[in-house]
N, C-alpha and C. Protein backbone atom coordinates (compact mmCIF):
# COMPACT_ATOMS: atom_id res chain seq x y z
N MET A 1 5.70 0.62 4.36
CA MET A 1 7.19 0.61 3.64
C MET A 1 6.99 -0.74 2.74
N VAL A 2 7.52 -0.70 1.51
CA VAL A 2 7.87 -2.22 0.72
C VAL A 2 9.09 -2.44 0.84
N LEU A 3 9.30 -3.17 1.64
CA LEU A 3 11.19 -3.67 1.02
C LEU A 3 11.19 -5.03 -0.43
N ARG A 4 11.38 -4.73 -0.86
CA ARG A 4 12.39 -5.88 -1.73
C ARG A 4 13.53 -5.80 -2.48
N MET A 5 13.83 -6.92 -2.11
CA MET A 5 15.38 -7.45 -3.25
C MET A 5 15.56 -7.05 -4.71
N VAL A 6 16.41 -5.96 -5.11
CA VAL A 6 17.25 -5.74 -6.43
C VAL A 6 18.69 -5.90 -6.73
N GLY A 7 18.46 -6.95 -7.25
CA GLY A 7 20.14 -7.31 -7.52
C GLY A 7 20.97 -7.72 -6.07
N ASP A 8 22.23 -6.94 -5.80
CA ASP A 8 22.18 -6.98 -4.26
C ASP A 8 22.04 -6.54 -3.59
N HIS A 9 21.10 -5.41 -3.48
CA HIS A 9 20.56 -4.75 -2.18
C HIS A 9 19.67 -4.93 -2.04
N LEU A 10 18.77 -4.17 -1.06
CA LEU A 10 17.30 -3.49 -0.48
C LEU A 10 16.87 -2.60 -0.63
N GLU A 11 15.65 -2.41 -1.34
CA GLU A 11 14.81 -1.04 -1.79
C GLU A 11 14.00 -0.92 -0.84
N LEU A 12 13.34 0.42 -0.05
CA LEU A 12 12.27 0.20 0.49
C LEU A 12 11.68 1.77 0.01
N ILE A 13 10.42 1.19 -0.70
CA ILE A 13 9.67 2.07 -1.16
C ILE A 13 8.50 2.56 -0.22
N PRO A 14 8.41 4.43 0.23
CA PRO A 14 7.66 4.18 0.43
C PRO A 14 6.44 3.75 0.16
N LEU A 15 5.08 3.66 1.15
CA LEU A 15 3.40 3.98 0.22
C LEU A 15 2.81 5.46 0.45
N PRO A 16 2.26 4.94 -0.56
CA PRO A 16 1.15 6.43 -0.04
C PRO A 16 -0.26 6.24 0.66
N ASN A 17 -0.14 7.49 1.28
CA ASN A 17 -0.98 7.85 2.14
C ASN A 17 -2.55 7.91 1.57
N PRO A 18 -3.20 6.47 2.42
CA PRO A 18 -4.39 6.04 1.31
C PRO A 18 -5.40 7.56 1.98
N ARG A 19 -5.38 8.16 2.40
CA ARG A 19 -6.13 9.44 3.38
C ARG A 19 -5.94 10.61 2.00
N SER A 20 -4.62 10.19 1.24
CA SER A 20 -3.95 11.44 0.85
C SER A 20 -4.87 11.41 -0.76
N ILE A 21 -4.94 10.17 -1.77
CA ILE A 21 -5.86 10.21 -2.41
C ILE A 21 -7.82 9.82 -1.91
N LYS A 22 -7.92 10.38 -0.55
CA LYS A 22 -9.30 9.74 -0.50
C LYS A 22 -10.55 11.37 -0.98
N GLY A 23 -11.53 10.43 -1.99
CA GLY A 23 -12.61 11.84 -2.83
C GLY A 23 -11.75 12.28 -3.83
N LYS A 24 -10.68 10.88 -4.15
CA LYS A 24 -10.12 11.24 -6.00
C LYS A 24 -10.66 9.86 -6.88
N TYR A 25 -10.95 8.33 -6.08
CA TYR A 25 -11.74 7.61 -6.41
C TYR A 25 -13.02 7.95 -5.99
N LYS A 26 -14.07 7.09 -6.04
CA LYS A 26 -14.91 6.61 -5.49
C LYS A 26 -14.91 4.87 -5.36
N ILE A 27 -14.48 4.77 -3.65
CA ILE A 27 -14.75 3.49 -3.43
C ILE A 27 -15.57 3.54 -2.27
N ASP A 28 -16.22 2.27 -1.98
CA ASP A 28 -17.32 2.35 -1.01
C ASP A 28 -16.28 1.32 0.00
N GLY A 29 -16.46 1.91 1.48
CA GLY A 29 -16.28 1.65 2.60
C GLY A 29 -15.26 2.13 2.95
N ARG A 30 -14.42 1.61 5.08
CA ARG A 30 -14.48 2.78 5.42
C ARG A 30 -13.08 2.73 5.28
N ILE A 31 -12.42 3.79 5.57
CA ILE A 31 -10.91 4.09 5.26
C ILE A 31 -10.57 3.08 6.27
N GLU A 32 -10.42 2.43 7.51
CA GLU A 32 -9.01 1.45 8.03
C GLU A 32 -9.74 -0.47 7.19
N ASP A 33 -10.72 0.24 6.04
CA ASP A 33 -11.15 -1.59 5.90
C ASP A 33 -9.93 -1.47 4.24
N ILE A 34 -10.22 -0.49 3.37
CA ILE A 34 -9.20 -0.14 2.43
C ILE A 34 -7.80 -0.28 3.61
N GLU A 35 -7.30 0.28 4.17
CA GLU A 35 -6.28 0.54 3.97
C GLU A 35 -5.02 -1.16 4.82
N GLU A 36 -6.65 -1.76 5.39
CA GLU A 36 -5.72 -3.14 5.40
C GLU A 36 -5.73 -4.21 4.22
N LEU A 37 -7.26 -4.30 3.40
CA LEU A 37 -7.08 -4.65 2.26
C LEU A 37 -5.85 -4.05 1.18
N GLN A 38 -4.70 -3.19 1.19
CA GLN A 38 -4.12 -2.56 0.73
C GLN A 38 -2.53 -3.29 1.38
N GLU A 39 -2.99 -4.03 3.19
CA GLU A 39 -1.67 -4.10 3.30
C GLU A 39 -1.64 -5.67 2.80
N GLN A 40 -2.44 -5.86 3.24
CA GLN A 40 -3.09 -8.09 2.48
C GLN A 40 -2.49 -8.26 1.13
N LYS A 41 -2.83 -6.96 -0.01
CA LYS A 41 -2.52 -6.84 -1.32
C LYS A 41 -0.08 -6.88 -0.96
N LEU A 42 0.41 -5.94 -0.93
CA LEU A 42 0.93 -5.91 -0.20
C LEU A 42 1.75 -7.02 0.28
N LEU A 43 1.33 -7.38 1.03
CA LEU A 43 1.91 -9.14 2.14
C LEU A 43 1.67 -10.76 0.86
N GLU A 44 0.85 -10.35 -0.35
CA GLU A 44 0.36 -10.80 -1.10
C GLU A 44 1.63 -11.32 -2.06
N ARG A 45 2.72 -10.02 -2.56
CA ARG A 45 4.00 -9.69 -3.58
C ARG A 45 4.90 -10.59 -2.55
N VAL A 46 5.12 -10.30 -1.30
CA VAL A 46 5.96 -10.64 -1.02
C VAL A 46 6.85 -12.43 -0.64
């Protein structure tokens, strides 16, 4: 989940499950590495 402040309230936004897009895009690497990269990118936004 991503938590963000919008005006005077908080929003919780669910993240898509990386496994749900498996095979949709050609990405080299293990799913665990991709999940970790996704988490790092989200933390950079906060």
